[in-house]
Amino acid sequence: MKYLITRFREYIEEQEKNREAYEKTSYWASENNTCARQIFWKWKKEKQTNPPSVTGLQIMRTGRKVEEQIVEDWNKMGILVSPPEGQDQHYIETERFGVRITGKLDAIIKETTEDGKEIETPVEIKSYYGDYQEYRLFDLQPNESYAKQLAIYMDALNKDRGILYMVNRGSGRQFQFIVTRKPKKYKIEVATYVREDDNPDNETERLEFKVGFLEFTLEDAYNHFAEVDKYVKANKLPSAQFQYKYPITLQSLKLRKNNAISKARTGKAVLGDWQCKYCSYKAKCLKEQEIELGYSKEEQQLLIELTKGYTTKQWRE
């Protein structure tokens, strides 16, 4: 008799295998920092060479359920603006720099300003996991592409205020980033909700407000879409925007963290942009660039030689 876990994994695999390739008809707001090649191949309906693993698919499914639960709770609180009839989310569509951009906004909520004015605020929810992500949020460094995705929705809706709402799907910790529109720029401030202490028996909780600033414009995002569109219409493959392998030089290696160097030295990882690591067209892209997967024997030897003593202060100097 098969384990239930095995049966479930097989079910997910079968569902993904039978999923029909979609017809891409627009650029998605969430693709504002996606590699041009990946977007190009999506338009051309190219088969993925590195599709998400079953574990990866389950992580994404779990994240969606967490986000849906939050929206459901906001609805019960009476603060949710319902999507148009027949839609589960607010469909957003706009045209900028000559290209069509679309997306699905997670929620619009009702708020009351300090002067008593009723407003409707767009909200984009992102779930995450892992210490690294959380450390960045505590340092007031949310993923800029998430903020830009929300800003694109705000631009389409002509809204001056939006909320990037992030939740740790492991611990339940939540962060709220307020994105405000300026004449040409967007800036983001943050308020984070934390426990007063780590004692789970103590239910006393408080709001701790921290303020940070991230300045950006949407011009680069819109230019990104417009540039990719030129390649799509010309049926010409754009250049890769990210590096699968960073140059193996002392200068480059000193920019990397010790744990990353340790994994590279032992052959467990390649030092490069994370976008390449998780790209669903990684093998196809590397083949086109004539780049070998992983490090060659010569590259590995050079890396080990250059990183001798990498844990010492002297090596970093």
C-alpha atoms as a PDB file:
ATOM      1  CA  MET A   1       0.000   0.000   0.000  1.00  0.00           C
ATOM      2  CA  LYS A   2       1.396   3.406  -0.967  1.00  0.00           C
ATOM      3  CA  TYR A   3       2.072   6.054   1.639  1.00  0.00           C
ATOM      4  CA  LEU A   4      -0.434   8.898   1.618  1.00  0.00           C
ATOM      5  CA  ILE A   5       2.455  11.335   1.069  1.00  0.00           C
ATOM      6  CA  THR A   6       3.495   9.420  -2.057  1.00  0.00           C
ATOM      7  CA  ARG A   7      -0.055   9.415  -3.421  1.00  0.00           C
ATOM      8  CA  PHE A   8      -0.365  13.147  -2.747  1.00  0.00           C
ATOM      9  CA  ARG A   9       2.940  13.966  -4.469  1.00  0.00           C
ATOM     10  CA  GLU A  10       1.925  11.906  -7.497  1.00  0.00           C
ATOM     11  CA  TYR A  11      -1.382  13.772  -7.631  1.00  0.00           C
ATOM     12  CA  ILE A  12       0.372  17.164  -7.631  1.00  0.00           C
ATOM     13  CA  GLU A  13       2.796  15.988 -10.322  1.00  0.00           C
ATOM     14  CA  GLU A  14      -0.078  14.759 -12.490  1.00  0.00           C
ATOM     15  CA  GLN A  15      -1.985  18.006 -12.074  1.00  0.00           C
ATOM     16  CA  GLU A  16       1.066  20.014 -13.147  1.00  0.00           C
ATOM     17  CA  LYS A  17       1.778  17.698 -16.075  1.00  0.00           C
ATOM     18  CA  ASN A  18      -1.771  18.048 -17.415  1.00  0.00           C
ATOM     19  CA  ARG A  19      -1.889  21.816 -16.983  1.00  0.00           C
ATOM     20  CA  GLU A  20      -2.265  23.363 -20.422  1.00  0.00           C
ATOM     21  CA  ALA A  21       0.218  25.982 -21.539  1.00  0.00           C
ATOM     22  CA  TYR A  22      -1.453  29.365 -21.211  1.00  0.00           C
ATOM     23  CA  GLU A  23      -1.660  31.927 -23.963  1.00  0.00           C
ATOM     24  CA  LYS A  24       0.231  34.980 -22.723  1.00  0.00           C
ATOM     25  CA  THR A  25      -1.521  38.165 -23.831  1.00  0.00           C
ATOM     26  CA  SER A  26       0.012  40.791 -21.551  1.00  0.00           C
ATOM     27  CA  TYR A  27       2.930  41.591 -19.266  1.00  0.00           C
ATOM     28  CA  TRP A  28       2.280  40.873 -15.611  1.00  0.00           C
ATOM     29  CA  ALA A  29       2.956  43.460 -12.930  1.00  0.00           C
ATOM     30  CA  SER A  30       4.778  40.762 -10.946  1.00  0.00           C
ATOM     31  CA  GLU A  31       7.313  40.452 -13.805  1.00  0.00           C
ATOM     32  CA  ASN A  32       8.731  43.944 -13.217  1.00  0.00           C
ATOM     33  CA  ASN A  33      12.150  42.460 -12.357  1.00  0.00           C
ATOM     34  CA  THR A  34      11.897  39.102 -14.140  1.00  0.00           C
ATOM     35  CA  CYS A  35      14.666  38.206 -16.582  1.00  0.00           C
ATOM     36  CA  ALA A  36      13.826  39.302 -20.131  1.00  0.00           C
ATOM     37  CA  ARG A  37      14.631  35.830 -21.449  1.00  0.00           C
ATOM     38  CA  GLN A  38      12.201  34.143 -19.093  1.00  0.00           C
ATOM     39  CA  ILE A  39       9.402  36.503 -20.140  1.00  0.00           C
ATOM     40  CA  PHE A  40      10.324  36.052 -23.820  1.00  0.00           C
ATOM     41  CA  TRP A  41      10.119  32.252 -23.602  1.00  0.00           C
ATOM     42  CA  LYS A  42       6.781  32.488 -21.795  1.00  0.00           C
ATOM     43  CA  TRP A  43       5.414  34.539 -24.684  1.00  0.00           C
ATOM     44  CA  LYS A  44       6.717  31.924 -27.120  1.00  0.00           C
ATOM     45  CA  LYS A  45       5.162  29.102 -25.048  1.00  0.00           C
ATOM     46  CA  GLU A  46       8.510  27.355 -24.732  1.00  0.00           C
ATOM     47  CA  LYS A  47       8.484  24.267 -22.532  1.00  0.00           C
ATOM     48  CA  GLN A  48      10.143  24.751 -19.176  1.00  0.00           C
ATOM     49  CA  THR A  49      13.403  22.848 -18.784  1.00  0.00           C
ATOM     50  CA  ASN A  50      13.432  23.287 -15.000  1.00  0.00           C
ATOM     51  CA  PRO A  51       9.810  23.279 -13.805  1.00  0.00           C
ATOM     52  CA  PRO A  52       9.111  23.695 -10.083  1.00  0.00           C
ATOM     53  CA  SER A  53       9.613  20.588  -7.971  1.00  0.00           C
ATOM     54  CA  VAL A  54       6.703  19.012  -6.116  1.00  0.00           C
ATOM     55  CA  THR A  55       8.075  20.576  -2.931  1.00  0.00           C
ATOM     56  CA  GLY A  56       8.260  23.969  -4.631  1.00  0.00           C
ATOM     57  CA  LEU A  57       4.697  23.638  -5.917  1.00  0.00           C
ATOM     58  CA  GLN A  58       3.456  22.719  -2.447  1.00  0.00           C
ATOM     59  CA  ILE A  59       5.242  25.725  -0.937  1.00  0.00           C
ATOM     60  CA  MET A  60       3.483  27.996  -3.440  1.00  0.00           C
ATOM     61  CA  ARG A  61       0.111  26.317  -2.811  1.00  0.00           C
ATOM     62  CA  THR A  62       0.534  26.733   0.953  1.00  0.00           C
ATOM     63  CA  GLY A  63       1.468  30.395   0.493  1.00  0.00           C
ATOM     64  CA  ARG A  64      -1.660  31.041  -1.542  1.00  0.00           C
ATOM     65  CA  LYS A  65      -3.834  29.441   1.141  1.00  0.00           C
ATOM     66  CA  VAL A  66      -2.259  31.651   3.830  1.00  0.00           C
ATOM     67  CA  GLU A  67      -2.960  34.743   1.718  1.00  0.00           C
ATOM     68  CA  GLU A  68      -6.534  33.649   1.008  1.00  0.00           C
ATOM     69  CA  GLN A  69      -7.159  33.129   4.734  1.00  0.00           C
ATOM     70  CA  ILE A  70      -6.031  36.678   5.506  1.00  0.00           C
ATOM     71  CA  VAL A  71      -8.371  38.103   2.862  1.00  0.00           C
ATOM     72  CA  GLU A  72     -11.207  35.976   4.250  1.00  0.00           C
ATOM     73  CA  ASP A  73     -10.554  37.363   7.745  1.00  0.00           C
ATOM     74  CA  TRP A  74     -10.583  40.947   6.440  1.00  0.00           C
ATOM     75  CA  ASN A  75     -13.933  40.201   4.841  1.00  0.00           C
ATOM     76  CA  LYS A  76     -15.289  38.978   8.190  1.00  0.00           C
ATOM     77  CA  MET A  77     -13.944  42.170   9.790  1.00  0.00           C
ATOM     78  CA  GLY A  78     -16.097  44.138   7.367  1.00  0.00           C
ATOM     79  CA  ILE A  79     -13.190  46.084   5.854  1.00  0.00           C
ATOM     80  CA  LEU A  80     -12.880  44.278   2.519  1.00  0.00           C
ATOM     81  CA  VAL A  81     -14.048  45.831  -0.731  1.00  0.00           C
ATOM     82  CA  SER A  82     -15.490  42.897  -2.670  1.00  0.00           C
ATOM     83  CA  PRO A  83     -14.153  42.241  -6.180  1.00  0.00           C
ATOM     84  CA  PRO A  84     -16.566  42.643  -9.103  1.00  0.00           C
ATOM     85  CA  GLU A  85     -19.137  39.879  -9.392  1.00  0.00           C
ATOM     86  CA  GLY A  86     -17.689  36.683 -10.816  1.00  0.00           C
ATOM     87  CA  GLN A  87     -14.091  37.558  -9.862  1.00  0.00           C
ATOM     88  CA  ASP A  88     -12.111  36.209  -6.901  1.00  0.00           C
ATOM     89  CA  GLN A  89      -9.662  39.128  -7.019  1.00  0.00           C
ATOM     90  CA  HIS A  90      -9.517  42.650  -8.400  1.00  0.00           C
ATOM     91  CA  TYR A  91      -8.329  42.401 -11.993  1.00  0.00           C
ATOM     92  CA  ILE A  92      -5.996  45.251 -12.918  1.00  0.00           C
ATOM     93  CA  GLU A  93      -5.261  46.333 -16.485  1.00  0.00           C
ATOM     94  CA  THR A  94      -3.312  49.327 -17.754  1.00  0.00           C
ATOM     95  CA  GLU A  95      -1.178  50.407 -20.688  1.00  0.00           C
ATOM     96  CA  ARG A  96       2.153  52.120 -20.132  1.00  0.00           C
ATOM     97  CA  PHE A  97       4.952  52.868 -22.573  1.00  0.00           C
ATOM     98  CA  GLY A  98       2.892  51.211 -25.301  1.00  0.00           C
ATOM     99  CA  VAL A  99       2.535  47.810 -23.618  1.00  0.00           C
ATOM    100  CA  ARG A 100      -0.381  46.136 -21.860  1.00  0.00           C
ATOM    101  CA  ILE A 101       0.218  45.300 -18.199  1.00  0.00           C
ATOM    102  CA  THR A 102      -2.160  43.242 -16.081  1.00  0.00           C
ATOM    103  CA  GLY A 103      -2.364  41.632 -12.670  1.00  0.00           C
ATOM    104  CA  LYS A 104      -4.626  40.435  -9.895  1.00  0.00           C
ATOM    105  CA  LEU A 105      -4.674  42.565  -6.759  1.00  0.00           C
ATOM    106  CA  ASP A 106      -5.123  40.548  -3.575  1.00  0.00           C
ATOM    107  CA  ALA A 107      -7.420  42.995  -1.819  1.00  0.00           C
ATOM    108  CA  ILE A 108      -8.795  46.504  -1.474  1.00  0.00           C
ATOM    109  CA  ILE A 109      -9.660  47.520   2.079  1.00  0.00           C
ATOM    110  CA  LYS A 110     -11.650  50.341   3.627  1.00  0.00           C
ATOM    111  CA  GLU A 111      -9.748  52.802   5.806  1.00  0.00           C
ATOM    112  CA  THR A 112     -10.566  56.005   7.634  1.00  0.00           C
ATOM    113  CA  THR A 113      -8.039  58.850   7.583  1.00  0.00           C
ATOM    114  CA  GLU A 114      -7.249  60.980  10.619  1.00  0.00           C
ATOM    115  CA  ASP A 115      -9.596  63.674   9.347  1.00  0.00           C
ATOM    116  CA  GLY A 116     -12.451  61.158   9.060  1.00  0.00           C
ATOM    117  CA  LYS A 117     -12.333  60.623   5.301  1.00  0.00           C
ATOM    118  CA  GLU A 118     -13.267  57.163   4.028  1.00  0.00           C
ATOM    119  CA  ILE A 119     -10.741  55.760   1.522  1.00  0.00           C
ATOM    120  CA  GLU A 120     -10.152  52.496  -0.312  1.00  0.00           C
ATOM    121  CA  THR A 121      -6.582  51.167  -0.164  1.00  0.00           C
ATOM    122  CA  PRO A 122      -5.083  48.495  -2.462  1.00  0.00           C
ATOM    123  CA  VAL A 123      -3.249  45.705  -0.638  1.00  0.00           C
ATOM    124  CA  GLU A 124      -0.776  43.172  -2.019  1.00  0.00           C
ATOM    125  CA  ILE A 125      -0.127  40.166   0.253  1.00  0.00           C
ATOM    126  CA  LYS A 126       3.081  38.144   0.111  1.00  0.00           C
ATOM    127  CA  SER A 127       3.864  35.133   2.273  1.00  0.00           C
ATOM    128  CA  TYR A 128       7.461  34.152   2.940  1.00  0.00           C
ATOM    129  CA  TYR A 129       9.571  31.788   5.019  1.00  0.00           C
ATOM    130  CA  GLY A 130      13.124  31.602   6.290  1.00  0.00           C
ATOM    131  CA  ASP A 131      15.342  33.676   8.561  1.00  0.00           C
ATOM    132  CA  TYR A 132      17.066  35.547   5.736  1.00  0.00           C
ATOM    133  CA  GLN A 133      13.793  37.018   4.476  1.00  0.00           C
ATOM    134  CA  GLU A 134      12.779  37.997   7.984  1.00  0.00           C
ATOM    135  CA  TYR A 135      16.126  39.648   8.782  1.00  0.00           C
ATOM    136  CA  ARG A 136      15.738  41.792   5.663  1.00  0.00           C
ATOM    137  CA  LEU A 137      12.248  42.844   6.708  1.00  0.00           C
ATOM    138  CA  PHE A 138      13.445  43.811  10.177  1.00  0.00           C
ATOM    139  CA  ASP A 139      16.133  45.870   8.432  1.00  0.00           C
ATOM    140  CA  LEU A 140      13.301  47.563   6.504  1.00  0.00           C
ATOM    141  CA  GLN A 141      14.343  45.964   3.235  1.00  0.00           C
ATOM    142  CA  PRO A 142      11.313  44.361   1.592  1.00  0.00           C
ATOM    143  CA  ASN A 143      11.699  42.891  -1.864  1.00  0.00           C
ATOM    144  CA  GLU A 144      11.661  45.914  -4.179  1.00  0.00           C
ATOM    145  CA  SER A 145       9.880  44.012  -6.949  1.00  0.00           C
ATOM    146  CA  TYR A 146       6.977  43.366  -4.531  1.00  0.00           C
ATOM    147  CA  ALA A 147       6.748  47.084  -3.797  1.00  0.00           C
ATOM    148  CA  LYS A 148       6.868  47.889  -7.509  1.00  0.00           C
ATOM    149  CA  GLN A 149       4.137  45.362  -8.259  1.00  0.00           C
ATOM    150  CA  LEU A 150       1.877  47.138  -5.773  1.00  0.00           C
ATOM    151  CA  ALA A 151       2.950  50.537  -7.119  1.00  0.00           C
ATOM    152  CA  ILE A 152       1.926  49.480 -10.638  1.00  0.00           C
ATOM    153  CA  TYR A 153      -1.530  48.601  -9.299  1.00  0.00           C
ATOM    154  CA  MET A 154      -1.688  51.951  -7.491  1.00  0.00           C
ATOM    155  CA  ASP A 155      -0.719  53.726 -10.688  1.00  0.00           C
ATOM    156  CA  ALA A 156      -3.428  51.889 -12.635  1.00  0.00           C
ATOM    157  CA  LEU A 157      -6.040  52.696  -9.965  1.00  0.00           C
ATOM    158  CA  ASN A 158      -4.724  56.247  -9.452  1.00  0.00           C
ATOM    159  CA  LYS A 159      -4.205  55.655  -5.729  1.00  0.00           C
ATOM    160  CA  ASP A 160      -1.720  57.519  -3.541  1.00  0.00           C
ATOM    161  CA  ARG A 161      -1.591  54.942  -0.747  1.00  0.00           C
ATOM    162  CA  GLY A 162      -1.112  51.170  -0.774  1.00  0.00           C
ATOM    163  CA  ILE A 163      -0.156  48.421   1.662  1.00  0.00           C
ATOM    164  CA  LEU A 164       2.394  45.659   1.089  1.00  0.00           C
ATOM    165  CA  TYR A 165       1.356  43.079   3.685  1.00  0.00           C
ATOM    166  CA  MET A 166       3.817  40.280   4.409  1.00  0.00           C
ATOM    167  CA  VAL A 167       3.291  37.221   6.577  1.00  0.00           C
ATOM    168  CA  ASN A 168       5.697  34.491   7.674  1.00  0.00           C
ATOM    169  CA  ARG A 169       3.849  31.261   6.901  1.00  0.00           C
ATOM    170  CA  GLY A 170       5.879  29.493   9.590  1.00  0.00           C
ATOM    171  CA  SER A 171       5.787  31.813  12.598  1.00  0.00           C
ATOM    172  CA  GLY A 172       2.789  33.948  11.589  1.00  0.00           C
ATOM    173  CA  ARG A 173       4.765  37.171  12.107  1.00  0.00           C
ATOM    174  CA  GLN A 174       3.368  39.987   9.991  1.00  0.00           C
ATOM    175  CA  PHE A 175       4.841  43.142   8.491  1.00  0.00           C
ATOM    176  CA  GLN A 176       2.978  46.060   6.990  1.00  0.00           C
ATOM    177  CA  PHE A 177       4.709  48.387   4.528  1.00  0.00           C
ATOM    178  CA  ILE A 178       2.910  51.572   3.542  1.00  0.00           C
ATOM    179  CA  VAL A 179       3.646  52.638  -0.025  1.00  0.00           C
ATOM    180  CA  THR A 180       2.805  56.271  -0.789  1.00  0.00           C
ATOM    181  CA  ARG A 181       2.824  57.852  -4.205  1.00  0.00           C
ATOM    182  CA  LYS A 182       4.699  61.079  -4.817  1.00  0.00           C
ATOM    183  CA  PRO A 183       4.679  63.210  -8.002  1.00  0.00           C
ATOM    184  CA  LYS A 184       7.126  60.879  -9.743  1.00  0.00           C
ATOM    185  CA  LYS A 185       8.382  58.515  -7.074  1.00  0.00           C
ATOM    186  CA  TYR A 186       7.080  55.985  -4.602  1.00  0.00           C
ATOM    187  CA  LYS A 187       8.463  55.706  -1.092  1.00  0.00           C
ATOM    188  CA  ILE A 188       7.773  53.076   1.490  1.00  0.00           C
ATOM    189  CA  GLU A 189       7.453  53.196   5.261  1.00  0.00           C
ATOM    190  CA  VAL A 190       6.971  50.267   7.561  1.00  0.00           C
ATOM    191  CA  ALA A 191       5.111  49.287  10.689  1.00  0.00           C
ATOM    192  CA  THR A 192       5.830  45.837  12.060  1.00  0.00           C
ATOM    193  CA  TYR A 193       3.804  43.798  14.532  1.00  0.00           C
ATOM    194  CA  VAL A 194       5.867  41.884  17.101  1.00  0.00           C
ATOM    195  CA  ARG A 195       5.351  40.214  20.444  1.00  0.00           C
ATOM    196  CA  GLU A 196       6.448  42.080  23.546  1.00  0.00           C
ATOM    197  CA  ASP A 197       8.590  39.095  24.482  1.00  0.00           C
ATOM    198  CA  ASP A 198       9.201  35.521  23.365  1.00  0.00           C
ATOM    199  CA  ASN A 199       7.091  33.930  26.109  1.00  0.00           C
ATOM    200  CA  PRO A 200       4.155  32.220  24.337  1.00  0.00           C
ATOM    201  CA  ASP A 201       2.160  32.261  27.585  1.00  0.00           C
ATOM    202  CA  ASN A 202       2.239  36.032  27.679  1.00  0.00           C
ATOM    203  CA  GLU A 203      -0.574  37.265  25.430  1.00  0.00           C
ATOM    204  CA  THR A 204       0.365  40.908  25.892  1.00  0.00           C
ATOM    205  CA  GLU A 205       1.213  42.153  22.420  1.00  0.00           C
ATOM    206  CA  ARG A 206       2.007  45.585  21.082  1.00  0.00           C
ATOM    207  CA  LEU A 207       2.609  47.420  17.873  1.00  0.00           C
ATOM    208  CA  GLU A 208       6.150  48.513  17.237  1.00  0.00           C
ATOM    209  CA  PHE A 209       6.562  51.143  14.557  1.00  0.00           C
ATOM    210  CA  LYS A 210       9.744  51.483  12.555  1.00  0.00           C
ATOM    211  CA  VAL A 211      10.263  53.805   9.633  1.00  0.00           C
ATOM    212  CA  GLY A 212      12.475  53.182   6.635  1.00  0.00           C
ATOM    213  CA  PHE A 213      12.632  54.649   3.141  1.00  0.00           C
ATOM    214  CA  LEU A 214      13.049  53.030  -0.238  1.00  0.00           C
ATOM    215  CA  GLU A 215      12.896  55.471  -3.134  1.00  0.00           C
ATOM    216  CA  PHE A 216      12.114  54.237  -6.619  1.00  0.00           C
ATOM    217  CA  THR A 217      10.256  55.177  -9.794  1.00  0.00           C
ATOM    218  CA  LEU A 218       8.186  52.983 -12.073  1.00  0.00           C
ATOM    219  CA  GLU A 219       9.899  54.232 -15.195  1.00  0.00           C
ATOM    220  CA  ASP A 220      12.494  51.440 -15.083  1.00  0.00           C
ATOM    221  CA  ALA A 221       9.751  48.805 -14.681  1.00  0.00           C
ATOM    222  CA  TYR A 222       7.762  50.189 -17.601  1.00  0.00           C
ATOM    223  CA  ASN A 223      10.937  50.509 -19.690  1.00  0.00           C
ATOM    224  CA  HIS A 224      11.723  46.884 -18.845  1.00  0.00           C
ATOM    225  CA  PHE A 225       8.378  45.740 -20.262  1.00  0.00           C
ATOM    226  CA  ALA A 226       8.760  47.967 -23.333  1.00  0.00           C
ATOM    227  CA  GLU A 227      12.259  46.620 -24.072  1.00  0.00           C
ATOM    228  CA  VAL A 228      11.188  42.983 -23.738  1.00  0.00           C
ATOM    229  CA  ASP A 229       8.209  43.714 -25.988  1.00  0.00           C
ATOM    230  CA  LYS A 230      10.563  44.820 -28.779  1.00  0.00           C
ATOM    231  CA  TYR A 231      12.314  41.441 -28.643  1.00  0.00           C
ATOM    232  CA  VAL A 232       9.011  39.541 -28.522  1.00  0.00           C
ATOM    233  CA  LYS A 233       7.686  41.340 -31.601  1.00  0.00           C
ATOM    234  CA  ALA A 234      10.990  40.856 -33.448  1.00  0.00           C
ATOM    235  CA  ASN A 235      11.132  37.202 -32.330  1.00  0.00           C
ATOM    236  CA  LYS A 236      14.682  37.811 -31.154  1.00  0.00           C
ATOM    237  CA  LEU A 237      16.070  36.303 -27.946  1.00  0.00           C
ATOM    238  CA  PRO A 238      17.192  39.039 -25.510  1.00  0.00           C
ATOM    239  CA  SER A 239      20.421  38.871 -23.527  1.00  0.00           C
ATOM    240  CA  ALA A 240      20.443  37.225 -20.098  1.00  0.00           C
ATOM    241  CA  GLN A 241      20.059  39.839 -17.347  1.00  0.00           C
ATOM    242  CA  PHE A 242      21.444  37.797 -14.483  1.00  0.00           C
ATOM    243  CA  GLN A 243      24.603  35.761 -13.903  1.00  0.00           C
ATOM    244  CA  TYR A 244      24.493  32.042 -13.212  1.00  0.00           C
ATOM    245  CA  LYS A 245      28.162  32.164 -12.159  1.00  0.00           C
ATOM    246  CA  TYR A 246      29.955  35.199 -10.833  1.00  0.00           C
ATOM    247  CA  PRO A 247      33.552  35.663 -12.050  1.00  0.00           C
ATOM    248  CA  ILE A 248      35.977  33.600  -9.976  1.00  0.00           C
ATOM    249  CA  THR A 249      38.211  36.470  -8.955  1.00  0.00           C
ATOM    250  CA  LEU A 250      39.426  37.526  -5.532  1.00  0.00           C
ATOM    251  CA  GLN A 251      37.566  40.823  -5.822  1.00  0.00           C
ATOM    252  CA  SER A 252      34.292  39.078  -6.645  1.00  0.00           C
ATOM    253  CA  LEU A 253      34.698  36.367  -4.019  1.00  0.00           C
ATOM    254  CA  LYS A 254      35.261  38.891  -1.232  1.00  0.00           C
ATOM    255  CA  LEU A 255      31.753  40.218  -1.879  1.00  0.00           C
ATOM    256  CA  ARG A 256      30.208  36.858  -0.947  1.00  0.00           C
ATOM    257  CA  LYS A 257      29.153  35.661   2.496  1.00  0.00           C
ATOM    258  CA  ASN A 258      31.079  32.936   4.296  1.00  0.00           C
ATOM    259  CA  ASN A 259      28.252  30.393   4.204  1.00  0.00           C
ATOM    260  CA  ALA A 260      27.875  30.860   0.434  1.00  0.00           C
ATOM    261  CA  ILE A 261      31.619  30.418  -0.090  1.00  0.00           C
ATOM    262  CA  SER A 262      31.573  27.287   2.077  1.00  0.00           C
ATOM    263  CA  LYS A 263      28.838  25.712  -0.069  1.00  0.00           C
ATOM    264  CA  ALA A 264      30.677  26.647  -3.264  1.00  0.00           C
ATOM    265  CA  ARG A 265      33.966  25.178  -2.003  1.00  0.00           C
ATOM    266  CA  THR A 266      32.269  21.854  -1.244  1.00  0.00           C
ATOM    267  CA  GLY A 267      30.429  21.710  -4.556  1.00  0.00           C
ATOM    268  CA  LYS A 268      26.994  22.208  -3.010  1.00  0.00           C
ATOM    269  CA  ALA A 269      26.243  25.535  -4.725  1.00  0.00           C
ATOM    270  CA  VAL A 270      27.344  27.964  -7.414  1.00  0.00           C
ATOM    271  CA  LEU A 271      28.016  31.604  -6.576  1.00  0.00           C
ATOM    272  CA  GLY A 272      25.615  33.545  -8.777  1.00  0.00           C
ATOM    273  CA  ASP A 273      22.308  35.400  -8.941  1.00  0.00           C
ATOM    274  CA  TRP A 274      19.426  33.626  -7.210  1.00  0.00           C
ATOM    275  CA  GLN A 275      17.186  34.383 -10.202  1.00  0.00           C
ATOM    276  CA  CYS A 276      19.207  31.902 -12.282  1.00  0.00           C
ATOM    277  CA  LYS A 277      19.124  29.273  -9.560  1.00  0.00           C
ATOM    278  CA  TYR A 278      15.323  29.195  -9.526  1.00  0.00           C
ATOM    279  CA  CYS A 279      14.706  29.941 -13.219  1.00  0.00           C
ATOM    280  CA  SER A 280      12.348  27.500 -14.934  1.00  0.00           C
ATOM    281  CA  TYR A 281      14.421  27.833 -18.130  1.00  0.00           C
ATOM    282  CA  LYS A 282      17.854  27.498 -16.505  1.00  0.00           C
ATOM    283  CA  ALA A 283      19.108  24.546 -18.565  1.00  0.00           C
ATOM    284  CA  LYS A 284      17.885  26.102 -21.816  1.00  0.00           C
ATOM    285  CA  CYS A 285      19.513  29.440 -21.033  1.00  0.00           C
ATOM    286  CA  LEU A 286      22.850  27.936 -19.980  1.00  0.00           C
ATOM    287  CA  LYS A 287      22.974  25.790 -23.109  1.00  0.00           C
ATOM    288  CA  GLU A 288      22.366  28.838 -25.300  1.00  0.00           C
ATOM    289  CA  GLN A 289      25.197  30.695 -23.536  1.00  0.00           C
ATOM    290  CA  GLU A 290      27.459  27.599 -23.641  1.00  0.00           C
ATOM    291  CA  ILE A 291      27.834  27.688 -19.858  1.00  0.00           C
ATOM    292  CA  GLU A 292      28.513  24.464 -17.989  1.00  0.00           C
ATOM    293  CA  LEU A 293      26.164  23.515 -15.180  1.00  0.00           C
ATOM    294  CA  GLY A 294      28.021  23.759 -11.868  1.00  0.00           C
ATOM    295  CA  TYR A 295      31.757  24.346 -11.654  1.00  0.00           C
ATOM    296  CA  SER A 296      34.272  22.590 -13.865  1.00  0.00           C
ATOM    297  CA  LYS A 297      37.222  20.875 -12.184  1.00  0.00           C
ATOM    298  CA  GLU A 298      39.444  23.824 -13.080  1.00  0.00           C
ATOM    299  CA  GLU A 299      36.939  26.370 -11.783  1.00  0.00           C
ATOM    300  CA  GLN A 300      36.527  24.453  -8.520  1.00  0.00           C
ATOM    301  CA  GLN A 301      40.276  24.310  -7.980  1.00  0.00           C
ATOM    302  CA  LEU A 302      40.655  28.033  -8.655  1.00  0.00           C
ATOM    303  CA  LEU A 303      37.805  28.874  -6.282  1.00  0.00           C
ATOM    304  CA  ILE A 304      39.316  26.767  -3.482  1.00  0.00           C
ATOM    305  CA  GLU A 305      42.740  28.302  -4.032  1.00  0.00           C
ATOM    306  CA  LEU A 306      41.459  31.898  -3.960  1.00  0.00           C
ATOM    307  CA  THR A 307      39.297  31.344  -0.869  1.00  0.00           C
ATOM    308  CA  LYS A 308      41.951  29.857   1.397  1.00  0.00           C
ATOM    309  CA  GLY A 309      41.508  31.569   4.763  1.00  0.00           C
ATOM    310  CA  TYR A 310      38.166  33.113   3.746  1.00  0.00           C
ATOM    311  CA  THR A 311      36.881  32.971   7.334  1.00  0.00           C
ATOM    312  CA  THR A 312      39.646  35.263   8.583  1.00  0.00           C
ATOM    313  CA  LYS A 313      39.575  39.025   8.806  1.00  0.00           C
ATOM    314  CA  GLN A 314      42.881  39.224   6.956  1.00  0.00           C
ATOM    315  CA  TRP A 315      41.417  37.547   3.861  1.00  0.00           C
ATOM    316  CA  ARG A 316      38.647  40.143   3.685  1.00  0.00           C
ATOM    317  CA  GLU A 317      41.051  43.076   3.875  1.00  0.00           C
END
